[in-house]
Amino acid sequence: FMVFIVGMATTLVADPVLADEFGTGSLG
């Protein structure tokens, strides 16, 4: 779980940036 979290939980930071890449902003 620790290995998984250290890698996959970085996506919590990525999600708002990913939404902006698709032009969906805060709604996305």
PDB file of all heavy atoms in Angstrom:
ATOM      1  N   PHE A   1       0.827  -1.209   0.000  1.00  0.00           N
ATOM      2  CA  PHE A   1       0.000   0.000   0.000  1.00  0.00           C
ATOM      3  C   PHE A   1       0.860   1.258   0.000  1.00  0.00           C
ATOM      4  O   PHE A   1       0.527   2.254  -0.647  1.00  0.00           O
ATOM      5  CB  PHE A   1      -0.935  -0.007   1.208  1.00  0.00           C
ATOM      6  CG  PHE A   1      -2.220  -0.757   0.981  1.00  0.00           C
ATOM      7  CD1 PHE A   1      -2.307  -1.768   0.035  1.00  0.00           C
ATOM      8  CD2 PHE A   1      -3.350  -0.467   1.730  1.00  0.00           C
ATOM      9  CE1 PHE A   1      -3.483  -2.465  -0.174  1.00  0.00           C
ATOM     10  CE2 PHE A   1      -4.544  -1.148   1.525  1.00  0.00           C
ATOM     11  CZ  PHE A   1      -4.606  -2.151   0.572  1.00  0.00           C
ATOM     12  N   MET A   2       1.974   1.235   0.725  1.00  0.00           N
ATOM     13  CA  MET A   2       2.837   2.408   0.772  1.00  0.00           C
ATOM     14  C   MET A   2       3.470   2.682  -0.594  1.00  0.00           C
ATOM     15  O   MET A   2       3.536   3.836  -1.028  1.00  0.00           O
ATOM     16  CB  MET A   2       3.908   2.222   1.842  1.00  0.00           C
ATOM     17  CG  MET A   2       3.353   2.269   3.265  1.00  0.00           C
ATOM     18  SD  MET A   2       4.525   1.701   4.515  1.00  0.00           S
ATOM     19  CE  MET A   2       5.748   3.004   4.439  1.00  0.00           C
ATOM     20  N   VAL A   3       3.903   1.629  -1.270  1.00  0.00           N
ATOM     21  CA  VAL A   3       4.446   1.795  -2.626  1.00  0.00           C
ATOM     22  C   VAL A   3       3.371   2.352  -3.551  1.00  0.00           C
ATOM     23  O   VAL A   3       3.615   3.277  -4.336  1.00  0.00           O
ATOM     24  CB  VAL A   3       4.972   0.444  -3.160  1.00  0.00           C
ATOM     25  CG1 VAL A   3       5.299   0.541  -4.650  1.00  0.00           C
ATOM     26  CG2 VAL A   3       6.211   0.020  -2.384  1.00  0.00           C
ATOM     27  N   PHE A   4       2.174   1.793  -3.460  1.00  0.00           N
ATOM     28  CA  PHE A   4       1.073   2.249  -4.293  1.00  0.00           C
ATOM     29  C   PHE A   4       0.745   3.720  -4.021  1.00  0.00           C
ATOM     30  O   PHE A   4       0.608   4.524  -4.953  1.00  0.00           O
ATOM     31  CB  PHE A   4      -0.164   1.389  -4.031  1.00  0.00           C
ATOM     32  CG  PHE A   4      -1.394   1.875  -4.735  1.00  0.00           C
ATOM     33  CD1 PHE A   4      -1.605   1.578  -6.072  1.00  0.00           C
ATOM     34  CD2 PHE A   4      -2.339   2.638  -4.056  1.00  0.00           C
ATOM     35  CE1 PHE A   4      -2.744   2.043  -6.724  1.00  0.00           C
ATOM     36  CE2 PHE A   4      -3.472   3.100  -4.696  1.00  0.00           C
ATOM     37  CZ  PHE A   4      -3.678   2.793  -6.039  1.00  0.00           C
ATOM     38  N   ILE A   5       0.628   4.082  -2.759  1.00  0.00           N
ATOM     39  CA  ILE A   5       0.243   5.449  -2.402  1.00  0.00           C
ATOM     40  C   ILE A   5       1.292   6.455  -2.856  1.00  0.00           C
ATOM     41  O   ILE A   5       0.954   7.521  -3.408  1.00  0.00           O
ATOM     42  CB  ILE A   5       0.001   5.564  -0.887  1.00  0.00           C
ATOM     43  CG1 ILE A   5      -1.265   4.802  -0.491  1.00  0.00           C
ATOM     44  CG2 ILE A   5      -0.122   7.027  -0.456  1.00  0.00           C
ATOM     45  CD1 ILE A   5      -1.475   4.686   1.009  1.00  0.00           C
ATOM     46  N   VAL A   6       2.570   6.151  -2.628  1.00  0.00           N
ATOM     47  CA  VAL A   6       3.636   7.092  -2.986  1.00  0.00           C
ATOM     48  C   VAL A   6       3.587   7.420  -4.481  1.00  0.00           C
ATOM     49  O   VAL A   6       3.876   8.554  -4.888  1.00  0.00           O
ATOM     50  CB  VAL A   6       5.017   6.520  -2.596  1.00  0.00           C
ATOM     51  CG1 VAL A   6       6.143   7.307  -3.254  1.00  0.00           C
ATOM     52  CG2 VAL A   6       5.183   6.556  -1.082  1.00  0.00           C
ATOM     53  N   GLY A   7       3.203   6.443  -5.314  1.00  0.00           N
ATOM     54  CA  GLY A   7       3.108   6.713  -6.742  1.00  0.00           C
ATOM     55  C   GLY A   7       1.756   7.248  -7.162  1.00  0.00           C
ATOM     56  O   GLY A   7       1.650   8.305  -7.786  1.00  0.00           O
ATOM     57  N   MET A   8       0.680   6.535  -6.807  1.00  0.00           N
ATOM     58  CA  MET A   8      -0.640   6.877  -7.327  1.00  0.00           C
ATOM     59  C   MET A   8      -1.224   8.140  -6.703  1.00  0.00           C
ATOM     60  O   MET A   8      -1.981   8.867  -7.360  1.00  0.00           O
ATOM     61  CB  MET A   8      -1.592   5.699  -7.123  1.00  0.00           C
ATOM     62  CG  MET A   8      -2.928   5.854  -7.836  1.00  0.00           C
ATOM     63  SD  MET A   8      -2.798   5.962  -9.636  1.00  0.00           S
ATOM     64  CE  MET A   8      -2.781   4.230 -10.097  1.00  0.00           C
ATOM     65  N   ALA A   9      -0.897   8.421  -5.455  1.00  0.00           N
ATOM     66  CA  ALA A   9      -1.477   9.605  -4.806  1.00  0.00           C
ATOM     67  C   ALA A   9      -0.907  10.905  -5.359  1.00  0.00           C
ATOM     68  O   ALA A   9      -1.441  11.976  -5.067  1.00  0.00           O
ATOM     69  CB  ALA A   9      -1.280   9.533  -3.292  1.00  0.00           C
ATOM     70  N   THR A  10       0.162  10.844  -6.152  1.00  0.00           N
ATOM     71  CA  THR A  10       0.633  12.059  -6.816  1.00  0.00           C
ATOM     72  C   THR A  10      -0.426  12.591  -7.778  1.00  0.00           C
ATOM     73  O   THR A  10      -0.407  13.766  -8.147  1.00  0.00           O
ATOM     74  CB  THR A  10       1.934  11.799  -7.597  1.00  0.00           C
ATOM     75  OG1 THR A  10       1.697  10.811  -8.600  1.00  0.00           O
ATOM     76  CG2 THR A  10       3.040  11.317  -6.676  1.00  0.00           C
ATOM     77  N   THR A  11      -1.351  11.718  -8.175  1.00  0.00           N
ATOM     78  CA  THR A  11      -2.407  12.150  -9.097  1.00  0.00           C
ATOM     79  C   THR A  11      -3.385  13.125  -8.439  1.00  0.00           C
ATOM     80  O   THR A  11      -4.126  13.813  -9.137  1.00  0.00           O
ATOM     81  CB  THR A  11      -3.174  10.934  -9.640  1.00  0.00           C
ATOM     82  OG1 THR A  11      -3.818  10.254  -8.553  1.00  0.00           O
ATOM     83  CG2 THR A  11      -2.231   9.973 -10.340  1.00  0.00           C
ATOM     84  N   LEU A  12      -3.392  13.168  -7.112  1.00  0.00           N
ATOM     85  CA  LEU A  12      -4.227  14.176  -6.444  1.00  0.00           C
ATOM     86  C   LEU A  12      -3.768  15.584  -6.814  1.00  0.00           C
ATOM     87  O   LEU A  12      -4.580  16.509  -6.922  1.00  0.00           O
ATOM     88  CB  LEU A  12      -4.164  13.981  -4.923  1.00  0.00           C
ATOM     89  CG  LEU A  12      -4.777  12.686  -4.381  1.00  0.00           C
ATOM     90  CD1 LEU A  12      -4.483  12.550  -2.894  1.00  0.00           C
ATOM     91  CD2 LEU A  12      -6.278  12.664  -4.632  1.00  0.00           C
ATOM     92  N   VAL A  13      -2.470  15.734  -7.003  1.00  0.00           N
ATOM     93  CA  VAL A  13      -1.925  17.011  -7.458  1.00  0.00           C
ATOM     94  C   VAL A  13      -2.186  17.195  -8.951  1.00  0.00           C
ATOM     95  O   VAL A  13      -2.407  18.307  -9.431  1.00  0.00           O
ATOM     96  CB  VAL A  13      -0.410  17.082  -7.165  1.00  0.00           C
ATOM     97  CG1 VAL A  13       0.170  18.416  -7.617  1.00  0.00           C
ATOM     98  CG2 VAL A  13      -0.136  16.854  -5.685  1.00  0.00           C
ATOM     99  N   ALA A  14      -2.193  16.093  -9.685  1.00  0.00           N
ATOM    100  CA  ALA A  14      -2.340  16.150 -11.141  1.00  0.00           C
ATOM    101  C   ALA A  14      -3.761  16.440 -11.602  1.00  0.00           C
ATOM    102  O   ALA A  14      -3.960  17.005 -12.689  1.00  0.00           O
ATOM    103  CB  ALA A  14      -1.869  14.828 -11.758  1.00  0.00           C
ATOM    104  N   ASP A  15      -4.773  16.047 -10.813  1.00  0.00           N
ATOM    105  CA  ASP A  15      -6.162  16.117 -11.282  1.00  0.00           C
ATOM    106  C   ASP A  15      -6.604  17.511 -11.734  1.00  0.00           C
ATOM    107  O   ASP A  15      -7.190  17.645 -12.815  1.00  0.00           O
ATOM    108  CB  ASP A  15      -7.102  15.573 -10.207  1.00  0.00           C
ATOM    109  CG  ASP A  15      -7.053  14.055 -10.116  1.00  0.00           C
ATOM    110  OD1 ASP A  15      -6.557  13.428 -11.071  1.00  0.00           O
ATOM    111  OD2 ASP A  15      -7.503  13.504  -9.093  1.00  0.00           O
ATOM    112  N   PRO A  16      -6.389  18.580 -10.958  1.00  0.00           N
ATOM    113  CA  PRO A  16      -6.829  19.893 -11.450  1.00  0.00           C
ATOM    114  C   PRO A  16      -6.076  20.333 -12.707  1.00  0.00           C
ATOM    115  O   PRO A  16      -6.667  20.986 -13.582  1.00  0.00           O
ATOM    116  CB  PRO A  16      -6.549  20.826 -10.270  1.00  0.00           C
ATOM    117  CG  PRO A  16      -5.583  20.105  -9.403  1.00  0.00           C
ATOM    118  CD  PRO A  16      -5.852  18.664  -9.589  1.00  0.00           C
ATOM    119  N   VAL A  17      -4.811  19.961 -12.809  1.00  0.00           N
ATOM    120  CA  VAL A  17      -4.040  20.301 -14.008  1.00  0.00           C
ATOM    121  C   VAL A  17      -4.558  19.507 -15.208  1.00  0.00           C
ATOM    122  O   VAL A  17      -4.660  20.028 -16.326  1.00  0.00           O
ATOM    123  CB  VAL A  17      -2.540  20.024 -13.787  1.00  0.00           C
ATOM    124  CG1 VAL A  17      -1.723  20.465 -14.994  1.00  0.00           C
ATOM    125  CG2 VAL A  17      -2.047  20.721 -12.522  1.00  0.00           C
ATOM    126  N   LEU A  18      -4.908  18.239 -14.976  1.00  0.00           N
ATOM    127  CA  LEU A  18      -5.470  17.403 -16.042  1.00  0.00           C
ATOM    128  C   LEU A  18      -6.785  17.977 -16.542  1.00  0.00           C
ATOM    129  O   LEU A  18      -7.035  18.030 -17.754  1.00  0.00           O
ATOM    130  CB  LEU A  18      -5.670  15.987 -15.518  1.00  0.00           C
ATOM    131  CG  LEU A  18      -6.186  14.947 -16.533  1.00  0.00           C
ATOM    132  CD1 LEU A  18      -5.160  14.716 -17.638  1.00  0.00           C
ATOM    133  CD2 LEU A  18      -6.512  13.632 -15.827  1.00  0.00           C
ATOM    134  N   ALA A  19      -7.623  18.422 -15.625  1.00  0.00           N
ATOM    135  CA  ALA A  19      -8.896  19.030 -16.026  1.00  0.00           C
ATOM    136  C   ALA A  19      -8.658  20.283 -16.864  1.00  0.00           C
ATOM    137  O   ALA A  19      -9.354  20.520 -17.862  1.00  0.00           O
ATOM    138  CB  ALA A  19      -9.716  19.369 -14.782  1.00  0.00           C
ATOM    139  N   ASP A  20      -7.670  21.073 -16.511  1.00  0.00           N
ATOM    140  CA  ASP A  20      -7.353  22.278 -17.288  1.00  0.00           C
ATOM    141  C   ASP A  20      -6.848  21.924 -18.684  1.00  0.00           C
ATOM    142  O   ASP A  20      -7.135  22.635 -19.658  1.00  0.00           O
ATOM    143  CB  ASP A  20      -6.298  23.117 -16.556  1.00  0.00           C
ATOM    144  CG  ASP A  20      -6.870  23.854 -15.350  1.00  0.00           C
ATOM    145  OD1 ASP A  20      -8.105  24.030 -15.294  1.00  0.00           O
ATOM    146  OD2 ASP A  20      -6.088  24.239 -14.463  1.00  0.00           O
ATOM    147  N   GLU A  21      -6.098  20.830 -18.807  1.00  0.00           N
ATOM    148  CA  GLU A  21      -5.600  20.411 -20.116  1.00  0.00           C
ATOM    149  C   GLU A  21      -6.742  20.102 -21.075  1.00  0.00           C
ATOM    150  O   GLU A  21      -6.626  20.312 -22.287  1.00  0.00           O
ATOM    151  CB  GLU A  21      -4.701  19.175 -19.983  1.00  0.00           C
ATOM    152  CG  GLU A  21      -3.268  19.489 -19.631  1.00  0.00           C
ATOM    153  CD  GLU A  21      -2.345  18.306 -19.911  1.00  0.00           C
ATOM    154  OE1 GLU A  21      -2.825  17.267 -20.428  1.00  0.00           O
ATOM    155  OE2 GLU A  21      -1.148  18.429 -19.616  1.00  0.00           O
ATOM    156  N   PHE A  22      -7.857  19.590 -20.533  1.00  0.00           N
ATOM    157  CA  PHE A  22      -9.017  19.290 -21.368  1.00  0.00           C
ATOM    158  C   PHE A  22      -9.982  20.471 -21.462  1.00  0.00           C
ATOM    159  O   PHE A  22     -11.055  20.352 -22.063  1.00  0.00           O
ATOM    160  CB  PHE A  22      -9.754  18.062 -20.815  1.00  0.00           C
ATOM    161  CG  PHE A  22      -9.079  16.756 -21.132  1.00  0.00           C
ATOM    162  CD1 PHE A  22      -8.274  16.126 -20.199  1.00  0.00           C
ATOM    163  CD2 PHE A  22      -9.252  16.154 -22.376  1.00  0.00           C
ATOM    164  CE1 PHE A  22      -7.649  14.918 -20.487  1.00  0.00           C
ATOM    165  CE2 PHE A  22      -8.634  14.948 -22.673  1.00  0.00           C
ATOM    166  CZ  PHE A  22      -7.824  14.329 -21.732  1.00  0.00           C
ATOM    167  N   GLY A  23      -9.620  21.582 -20.860  1.00  0.00           N
ATOM    168  CA  GLY A  23     -10.450  22.775 -20.932  1.00  0.00           C
ATOM    169  C   GLY A  23     -11.724  22.703 -20.122  1.00  0.00           C
ATOM    170  O   GLY A  23     -12.685  23.424 -20.397  1.00  0.00           O
ATOM    171  N   THR A  24     -11.746  21.844 -19.096  1.00  0.00           N
ATOM    172  CA  THR A  24     -12.965  21.676 -18.297  1.00  0.00           C
ATOM    173  C   THR A  24     -12.896  22.407 -16.954  1.00  0.00           C
ATOM    174  O   THR A  24     -13.909  22.498 -16.259  1.00  0.00           O
ATOM    175  CB  THR A  24     -13.253  20.187 -18.054  1.00  0.00           C
ATOM    176  OG1 THR A  24     -12.124  19.596 -17.397  1.00  0.00           O
ATOM    177  CG2 THR A  24     -13.498  19.463 -19.372  1.00  0.00           C
ATOM    178  N   GLY A  25     -11.735  22.876 -16.574  1.00  0.00           N
ATOM    179  CA  GLY A  25     -11.591  23.698 -15.383  1.00  0.00           C
ATOM    180  C   GLY A  25     -12.052  23.029 -14.098  1.00  0.00           C
ATOM    181  O   GLY A  25     -11.931  21.816 -13.926  1.00  0.00           O
ATOM    182  N   SER A  26     -12.618  23.853 -13.216  1.00  0.00           N
ATOM    183  CA  SER A  26     -13.025  23.355 -11.901  1.00  0.00           C
ATOM    184  C   SER A  26     -14.161  22.353 -11.994  1.00  0.00           C
ATOM    185  O   SER A  26     -14.252  21.423 -11.181  1.00  0.00           O
ATOM    186  CB  SER A  26     -13.423  24.531 -10.997  1.00  0.00           C
ATOM    187  OG  SER A  26     -14.484  25.276 -11.581  1.00  0.00           O
ATOM    188  N   LEU A  27     -15.039  22.516 -12.992  1.00  0.00           N
ATOM    189  CA  LEU A  27     -16.119  21.535 -13.169  1.00  0.00           C
ATOM    190  C   LEU A  27     -15.535  20.165 -13.503  1.00  0.00           C
ATOM    191  O   LEU A  27     -15.965  19.137 -12.955  1.00  0.00           O
ATOM    192  CB  LEU A  27     -17.066  21.988 -14.275  1.00  0.00           C
ATOM    193  CG  LEU A  27     -18.182  20.987 -14.637  1.00  0.00           C
ATOM    194  CD1 LEU A  27     -19.072  20.712 -13.428  1.00  0.00           C
ATOM    195  CD2 LEU A  27     -19.002  21.499 -15.812  1.00  0.00           C
ATOM    196  N   GLY A  28     -14.557  20.151 -14.386  1.00  0.00           N
ATOM    197  CA  GLY A  28     -13.917  18.887 -14.739  1.00  0.00           C
ATOM    198  C   GLY A  28     -13.222  18.245 -13.548  1.00  0.00           C
ATOM    199  O   GLY A  28     -13.299  17.026 -13.356  1.00  0.00           O
TER     200      GLY A  28
END
